[in-house]
């Protein structure tokens, strides 16, 4: 997902286009990894003094519901990033310090699935956590 795709999706789904929404999406377009609502609040509060966490969370959840953003939980806090899209199936390494991600092209389900004969697996999520080369 990129900024233009996200803005078009928002428009096509009938949601109002606002400067705050554009700035939120630009924030994620500029970031290379997962970020928290607090990270976003720090950035937006300079331009929008008095912006509430309610506004930020409402928009984050809207963008998540529209599959513009994807999320994960790190240290008990929800983190968001631009959705990778669905070009191909992959998983992520996520840096615990900076939130940077790296794609993992191998899927463990290729090895696990045969052990679940008779089960209907509907989805899965595989993430590896650690420190990236810059943070270690």
N, C-alpha and C. Protein backbone atom coordinates (compact mmCIF):
# COMPACT_ATOMS: atom_id res chain seq x y z
N UNK A 1 0.86 -1.18 0.00
CA UNK A 1 0.00 0.00 0.00
C UNK A 1 0.90 1.23 0.00
N UNK A 2 0.52 2.21 -0.78
CA UNK A 2 1.23 3.49 -0.74
C UNK A 2 0.22 4.59 -0.46
N UNK A 3 0.71 5.80 -0.34
CA UNK A 3 -0.14 6.93 0.04
C UNK A 3 -1.30 7.14 -0.93
N UNK A 4 -1.03 7.14 -2.22
CA UNK A 4 -2.10 7.36 -3.19
C UNK A 4 -3.15 6.26 -3.16
N UNK A 5 -2.70 5.01 -3.04
CA UNK A 5 -3.65 3.89 -2.94
C UNK A 5 -4.52 4.04 -1.70
N UNK A 6 -3.91 4.44 -0.60
CA UNK A 6 -4.66 4.61 0.65
C UNK A 6 -5.69 5.73 0.52
N UNK A 7 -5.28 6.86 -0.04
CA UNK A 7 -6.21 7.98 -0.21
C UNK A 7 -7.35 7.61 -1.15
N UNK A 8 -7.06 6.90 -2.22
CA UNK A 8 -8.10 6.45 -3.15
C UNK A 8 -9.06 5.48 -2.50
N UNK A 9 -8.54 4.56 -1.71
CA UNK A 9 -9.39 3.60 -1.01
C UNK A 9 -10.31 4.31 -0.04
N UNK A 10 -9.78 5.24 0.70
CA UNK A 10 -10.58 6.03 1.64
C UNK A 10 -11.72 6.73 0.91
N UNK A 11 -11.40 7.37 -0.19
CA UNK A 11 -12.39 8.08 -1.00
C UNK A 11 -13.43 7.12 -1.58
N UNK A 12 -12.96 6.00 -2.15
CA UNK A 12 -13.86 5.02 -2.76
C UNK A 12 -14.81 4.36 -1.77
N UNK A 13 -14.38 4.30 -0.52
CA UNK A 13 -15.24 3.72 0.53
C UNK A 13 -16.20 4.76 1.11
N UNK A 14 -16.13 5.99 0.61
CA UNK A 14 -17.07 7.02 1.01
C UNK A 14 -16.71 7.79 2.27
N UNK A 15 -15.46 7.70 2.69
CA UNK A 15 -15.05 8.43 3.89
C UNK A 15 -14.55 9.82 3.53
N UNK A 16 -14.80 10.73 4.44
CA UNK A 16 -14.43 12.12 4.24
C UNK A 16 -12.91 12.27 4.24
N UNK A 17 -12.43 13.07 3.30
CA UNK A 17 -11.00 13.35 3.22
C UNK A 17 -10.71 14.60 4.04
N UNK A 18 -9.85 14.48 5.04
CA UNK A 18 -9.48 15.63 5.87
C UNK A 18 -7.96 15.76 5.88
N UNK A 19 -7.50 16.95 6.24
CA UNK A 19 -6.06 17.17 6.35
C UNK A 19 -5.45 16.25 7.40
N UNK A 20 -6.17 16.02 8.51
CA UNK A 20 -5.63 15.14 9.56
C UNK A 20 -5.46 13.73 9.02
N UNK A 21 -6.45 13.24 8.30
CA UNK A 21 -6.33 11.89 7.74
C UNK A 21 -5.18 11.80 6.75
N UNK A 22 -5.03 12.82 5.94
CA UNK A 22 -3.92 12.84 4.99
C UNK A 22 -2.58 12.85 5.74
N UNK A 23 -2.50 13.65 6.79
CA UNK A 23 -1.25 13.71 7.57
C UNK A 23 -0.96 12.39 8.28
N UNK A 24 -1.98 11.71 8.75
CA UNK A 24 -1.79 10.39 9.37
C UNK A 24 -1.23 9.42 8.34
N UNK A 25 -1.83 9.39 7.17
CA UNK A 25 -1.37 8.48 6.13
C UNK A 25 0.04 8.85 5.65
N UNK A 26 0.35 10.14 5.57
CA UNK A 26 1.70 10.56 5.20
C UNK A 26 2.73 10.12 6.24
N UNK A 27 2.33 10.17 7.51
CA UNK A 27 3.21 9.71 8.59
C UNK A 27 3.62 8.25 8.35
N UNK A 28 2.63 7.40 8.05
CA UNK A 28 2.94 5.98 7.84
C UNK A 28 3.68 5.75 6.52
N UNK A 29 3.42 6.58 5.52
CA UNK A 29 4.13 6.45 4.24
C UNK A 29 5.61 6.75 4.42
N UNK A 30 5.93 7.64 5.34
CA UNK A 30 7.32 8.03 5.57
C UNK A 30 8.06 7.07 6.51
N UNK A 31 7.33 6.27 7.27
CA UNK A 31 7.94 5.37 8.24
C UNK A 31 8.25 4.02 7.62
N UNK A 32 9.29 3.39 8.11
CA UNK A 32 9.69 2.08 7.61
C UNK A 32 9.53 1.05 8.72
N UNK A 33 8.32 0.92 9.22
CA UNK A 33 8.10 -0.04 10.28
C UNK A 33 6.86 0.29 11.08
N UNK A 34 6.68 -0.45 12.15
CA UNK A 34 5.51 -0.27 13.01
C UNK A 34 5.67 0.94 13.91
N UNK A 35 4.58 1.68 14.11
CA UNK A 35 4.57 2.85 14.97
C UNK A 35 3.32 2.81 15.85
N UNK A 36 3.41 3.47 16.99
CA UNK A 36 2.30 3.49 17.95
C UNK A 36 1.46 4.75 17.78
N UNK A 37 0.32 4.75 18.46
CA UNK A 37 -0.53 5.95 18.50
C UNK A 37 0.24 7.09 19.15
N UNK A 38 1.08 6.79 20.13
CA UNK A 38 1.89 7.82 20.78
C UNK A 38 2.88 8.46 19.81
N UNK A 39 3.50 7.63 18.97
CA UNK A 39 4.42 8.17 17.96
C UNK A 39 3.68 9.13 17.04
N UNK A 40 2.50 8.72 16.62
CA UNK A 40 1.68 9.54 15.73
C UNK A 40 1.23 10.82 16.44
N UNK A 41 0.82 10.71 17.69
CA UNK A 41 0.38 11.88 18.46
C UNK A 41 1.52 12.90 18.56
N UNK A 42 2.74 12.41 18.85
CA UNK A 42 3.90 13.32 18.95
C UNK A 42 4.09 14.12 17.67
N UNK A 43 3.95 13.44 16.54
CA UNK A 43 4.14 14.10 15.24
C UNK A 43 3.00 15.08 14.95
N UNK A 44 1.74 14.65 15.16
CA UNK A 44 0.60 15.48 14.78
C UNK A 44 0.32 16.62 15.75
N UNK A 45 0.69 16.46 17.01
CA UNK A 45 0.36 17.49 18.00
C UNK A 45 1.10 18.81 17.73
N UNK A 46 2.17 18.76 16.96
CA UNK A 46 2.87 19.99 16.59
C UNK A 46 2.00 20.81 15.65
N UNK A 47 1.42 20.15 14.65
CA UNK A 47 0.58 20.83 13.67
C UNK A 47 -0.84 21.04 14.18
N UNK A 48 -1.32 20.10 15.00
CA UNK A 48 -2.70 20.15 15.52
C UNK A 48 -2.67 20.14 17.05
N UNK A 49 -2.33 21.26 17.68
CA UNK A 49 -2.32 21.29 19.14
C UNK A 49 -3.72 20.92 19.66
N UNK A 50 -3.76 20.09 20.65
CA UNK A 50 -5.05 19.69 21.20
C UNK A 50 -5.66 18.47 20.53
N UNK A 51 -4.98 17.89 19.53
CA UNK A 51 -5.51 16.68 18.91
C UNK A 51 -5.60 15.60 19.98
N UNK A 52 -6.69 14.90 20.01
CA UNK A 52 -6.92 13.91 21.07
C UNK A 52 -6.49 12.52 20.62
N UNK A 53 -6.19 11.70 21.63
CA UNK A 53 -5.91 10.29 21.34
C UNK A 53 -7.13 9.61 20.76
N UNK A 54 -8.33 10.07 21.14
CA UNK A 54 -9.56 9.50 20.57
C UNK A 54 -9.57 9.66 19.05
N UNK A 55 -9.22 10.85 18.58
CA UNK A 55 -9.17 11.11 17.14
C UNK A 55 -8.14 10.20 16.48
N UNK A 56 -7.00 10.09 17.09
CA UNK A 56 -5.94 9.26 16.53
C UNK A 56 -6.37 7.80 16.49
N UNK A 57 -6.87 7.27 17.61
CA UNK A 57 -7.29 5.87 17.64
C UNK A 57 -8.45 5.59 16.70
N UNK A 58 -9.41 6.50 16.61
CA UNK A 58 -10.54 6.32 15.70
C UNK A 58 -10.04 6.15 14.26
N UNK A 59 -9.12 7.01 13.87
CA UNK A 59 -8.58 6.94 12.51
C UNK A 59 -7.69 5.71 12.30
N UNK A 60 -6.88 5.37 13.29
CA UNK A 60 -6.06 4.17 13.17
C UNK A 60 -6.93 2.94 12.99
N UNK A 61 -8.00 2.84 13.76
CA UNK A 61 -8.88 1.67 13.65
C UNK A 61 -9.66 1.68 12.34
N UNK A 62 -10.05 2.86 11.86
CA UNK A 62 -10.70 2.95 10.55
C UNK A 62 -9.75 2.46 9.47
N UNK A 63 -8.53 2.95 9.48
CA UNK A 63 -7.56 2.54 8.47
C UNK A 63 -7.22 1.06 8.58
N UNK A 64 -7.23 0.53 9.78
CA UNK A 64 -7.00 -0.90 9.97
C UNK A 64 -8.18 -1.69 9.39
N UNK A 65 -9.40 -1.26 9.69
CA UNK A 65 -10.59 -1.95 9.17
C UNK A 65 -10.65 -1.93 7.64
N UNK A 66 -10.12 -0.87 7.03
CA UNK A 66 -10.09 -0.75 5.57
C UNK A 66 -8.88 -1.45 4.95
N UNK A 67 -8.05 -2.07 5.80
CA UNK A 67 -6.82 -2.77 5.38
C UNK A 67 -5.79 -1.83 4.77
N UNK A 68 -5.86 -0.55 5.17
CA UNK A 68 -4.82 0.40 4.79
C UNK A 68 -3.62 0.19 5.71
N UNK A 69 -3.91 -0.05 6.98
CA UNK A 69 -2.86 -0.34 7.97
C UNK A 69 -3.00 -1.77 8.44
N UNK A 70 -1.89 -2.35 8.84
CA UNK A 70 -1.91 -3.63 9.54
C UNK A 70 -1.35 -3.37 10.93
N UNK A 71 -1.61 -4.28 11.85
CA UNK A 71 -1.17 -4.04 13.22
C UNK A 71 -0.55 -5.29 13.82
N UNK A 72 0.18 -5.05 14.88
CA UNK A 72 0.73 -6.12 15.71
C UNK A 72 0.80 -5.57 17.12
N UNK A 73 1.07 -6.44 18.06
CA UNK A 73 1.20 -6.00 19.44
C UNK A 73 2.62 -6.26 19.91
N UNK A 74 3.27 -5.20 20.40
CA UNK A 74 4.62 -5.29 20.94
C UNK A 74 4.60 -4.75 22.36
N UNK A 75 5.07 -5.53 23.30
CA UNK A 75 5.11 -5.13 24.70
C UNK A 75 3.75 -4.62 25.19
N UNK A 76 2.68 -5.30 24.77
CA UNK A 76 1.34 -4.97 25.23
C UNK A 76 0.73 -3.73 24.60
N UNK A 77 1.39 -3.16 23.61
CA UNK A 77 0.88 -1.95 22.95
C UNK A 77 0.70 -2.23 21.46
N UNK A 78 -0.42 -1.76 20.92
CA UNK A 78 -0.71 -1.96 19.50
C UNK A 78 0.19 -1.03 18.67
N UNK A 79 0.77 -1.60 17.62
CA UNK A 79 1.62 -0.88 16.68
C UNK A 79 1.01 -1.04 15.28
N UNK A 80 1.16 -0.01 14.45
CA UNK A 80 0.58 0.00 13.12
C UNK A 80 1.63 0.32 12.07
N UNK A 81 1.38 -0.12 10.85
CA UNK A 81 2.21 0.20 9.69
C UNK A 81 1.34 0.10 8.45
N UNK A 82 1.82 0.68 7.35
CA UNK A 82 1.11 0.52 6.09
C UNK A 82 1.00 -0.96 5.75
N UNK A 83 -0.14 -1.35 5.25
CA UNK A 83 -0.35 -2.73 4.85
C UNK A 83 0.59 -3.08 3.70
N UNK A 84 1.10 -4.28 3.75
CA UNK A 84 1.99 -4.74 2.67
C UNK A 84 1.23 -4.98 1.39
N UNK A 85 -0.07 -5.11 1.48
CA UNK A 85 -0.84 -5.50 0.31
C UNK A 85 -0.85 -7.00 0.22
N UNK A 86 -1.29 -7.48 -0.87
CA UNK A 86 -1.42 -8.93 -1.01
C UNK A 86 -0.71 -9.43 -2.28
N UNK A 87 0.46 -8.81 -2.58
CA UNK A 87 1.19 -9.24 -3.76
C UNK A 87 1.60 -10.71 -3.62
N UNK A 88 2.10 -11.06 -2.45
CA UNK A 88 2.48 -12.44 -2.18
C UNK A 88 2.46 -12.66 -0.67
N UNK A 89 2.34 -13.89 -0.29
CA UNK A 89 2.25 -14.26 1.12
C UNK A 89 3.63 -14.21 1.75
N UNK A 90 3.75 -13.52 2.88
CA UNK A 90 5.01 -13.46 3.61
C UNK A 90 4.73 -13.07 5.06
N UNK A 91 5.77 -13.13 5.86
CA UNK A 91 5.70 -12.78 7.27
C UNK A 91 6.78 -11.74 7.56
N UNK A 92 6.94 -11.35 8.84
CA UNK A 92 7.88 -10.27 9.15
C UNK A 92 8.79 -10.56 10.33
N UNK A 93 10.01 -10.06 10.22
CA UNK A 93 10.88 -9.84 11.36
C UNK A 93 10.57 -8.40 11.78
N UNK A 94 10.40 -8.15 13.10
CA UNK A 94 10.09 -6.82 13.60
C UNK A 94 11.12 -6.45 14.67
N UNK A 95 11.76 -5.29 14.48
CA UNK A 95 12.74 -4.82 15.46
C UNK A 95 11.99 -4.33 16.70
N UNK A 96 12.35 -4.85 17.85
CA UNK A 96 11.72 -4.46 19.12
C UNK A 96 12.05 -3.03 19.52
N UNK A 97 13.10 -2.46 18.95
CA UNK A 97 13.50 -1.11 19.33
C UNK A 97 12.91 -0.04 18.42
N UNK A 98 13.11 -0.18 17.11
CA UNK A 98 12.69 0.88 16.18
C UNK A 98 11.44 0.53 15.38
N UNK A 99 11.00 -0.73 15.42
CA UNK A 99 9.80 -1.14 14.69
C UNK A 99 10.02 -1.47 13.23
N UNK A 100 11.25 -1.34 12.76
CA UNK A 100 11.56 -1.65 11.35
C UNK A 100 11.22 -3.11 11.07
N UNK A 101 10.75 -3.36 9.85
CA UNK A 101 10.38 -4.73 9.49
C UNK A 101 11.22 -5.23 8.33
N UNK A 102 11.34 -6.54 8.26
CA UNK A 102 11.98 -7.21 7.13
C UNK A 102 11.11 -8.40 6.78
N UNK A 103 10.86 -8.57 5.50
CA UNK A 103 10.01 -9.68 5.05
C UNK A 103 10.70 -11.02 5.26
N UNK A 104 9.88 -11.99 5.65
CA UNK A 104 10.31 -13.39 5.74
C UNK A 104 9.52 -14.11 4.67
N UNK A 105 10.21 -14.59 3.66
CA UNK A 105 9.53 -15.17 2.50
C UNK A 105 9.08 -16.62 2.73
N UNK A 106 9.69 -17.29 3.70
CA UNK A 106 9.32 -18.68 3.99
C UNK A 106 8.16 -18.69 4.97
N UNK A 107 7.19 -19.53 4.72
CA UNK A 107 6.03 -19.64 5.61
C UNK A 107 6.09 -20.95 6.38
N UNK A 108 6.06 -20.87 7.71
CA UNK A 108 6.12 -22.10 8.51
C UNK A 108 4.90 -23.00 8.30
N UNK A 109 3.82 -22.45 7.78
CA UNK A 109 2.62 -23.27 7.55
C UNK A 109 2.87 -24.34 6.50
N UNK A 110 3.84 -24.10 5.61
CA UNK A 110 4.18 -25.11 4.61
C UNK A 110 4.61 -26.40 5.29
N UNK A 111 5.23 -26.28 6.46
CA UNK A 111 5.72 -27.45 7.18
C UNK A 111 4.72 -27.95 8.22
N UNK A 112 3.90 -27.04 8.74
CA UNK A 112 2.96 -27.37 9.82
C UNK A 112 1.65 -27.94 9.29
N UNK A 113 1.18 -27.44 8.17
CA UNK A 113 -0.14 -27.80 7.64
C UNK A 113 -0.37 -29.32 7.56
N UNK A 114 0.59 -30.11 7.10
CA UNK A 114 0.33 -31.56 7.01
C UNK A 114 -0.01 -32.21 8.37
N UNK A 115 0.38 -31.59 9.46
CA UNK A 115 0.09 -32.16 10.79
C UNK A 115 -1.35 -31.86 11.23
N UNK A 116 -2.09 -31.10 10.43
CA UNK A 116 -3.45 -30.71 10.77
C UNK A 116 -4.47 -31.29 9.80
N UNK A 117 -4.27 -32.55 9.43
CA UNK A 117 -5.23 -33.22 8.56
C UNK A 117 -6.60 -33.21 9.22
N UNK A 118 -7.62 -32.83 8.47
CA UNK A 118 -8.98 -32.80 9.00
C UNK A 118 -9.35 -31.47 9.66
N UNK A 119 -8.39 -30.60 9.88
CA UNK A 119 -8.65 -29.28 10.47
C UNK A 119 -8.86 -28.27 9.34
N UNK A 120 -9.62 -27.26 9.63
CA UNK A 120 -9.80 -26.17 8.67
C UNK A 120 -9.09 -24.93 9.21
N UNK A 121 -7.90 -24.68 8.74
CA UNK A 121 -7.14 -23.51 9.17
C UNK A 121 -7.64 -22.31 8.38
N UNK A 122 -8.09 -21.29 9.10
CA UNK A 122 -8.68 -20.12 8.44
C UNK A 122 -7.68 -18.99 8.24
N UNK A 123 -6.71 -18.89 9.13
CA UNK A 123 -5.68 -17.87 8.97
C UNK A 123 -4.53 -18.18 9.93
N UNK A 124 -3.47 -17.45 9.77
CA UNK A 124 -2.34 -17.57 10.68
C UNK A 124 -1.51 -16.29 10.62
N UNK A 125 -0.64 -16.14 11.62
CA UNK A 125 0.24 -14.99 11.69
C UNK A 125 1.55 -15.47 12.29
N UNK A 126 2.64 -15.12 11.66
CA UNK A 126 3.96 -15.53 12.13
C UNK A 126 4.86 -14.30 12.12
N UNK A 127 5.41 -13.95 13.28
CA UNK A 127 6.29 -12.80 13.41
C UNK A 127 7.51 -13.20 14.23
N UNK A 128 8.65 -12.68 13.84
CA UNK A 128 9.89 -12.89 14.57
C UNK A 128 10.33 -11.54 15.12
N UNK A 129 10.68 -11.51 16.40
CA UNK A 129 11.06 -10.26 17.07
C UNK A 129 12.52 -10.29 17.48
N UNK A 130 13.15 -9.15 17.42
CA UNK A 130 14.55 -9.02 17.82
C UNK A 130 15.02 -7.61 17.57
N UNK A 131 16.30 -7.45 17.33
CA UNK A 131 16.89 -6.14 17.05
C UNK A 131 17.48 -6.14 15.64
N UNK A 132 17.20 -5.08 14.90
CA UNK A 132 17.75 -4.94 13.55
C UNK A 132 19.24 -4.61 13.66
N UNK A 133 19.98 -4.68 12.55
CA UNK A 133 21.42 -4.38 12.59
C UNK A 133 21.75 -2.99 13.13
N UNK A 134 20.90 -2.01 12.88
CA UNK A 134 21.16 -0.65 13.36
C UNK A 134 20.99 -0.57 14.89
N UNK A 135 20.01 -1.27 15.43
CA UNK A 135 19.68 -1.17 16.87
C UNK A 135 20.49 -2.12 17.75
N UNK A 136 21.06 -3.17 17.17
CA UNK A 136 21.72 -4.16 18.04
C UNK A 136 23.02 -3.73 18.59
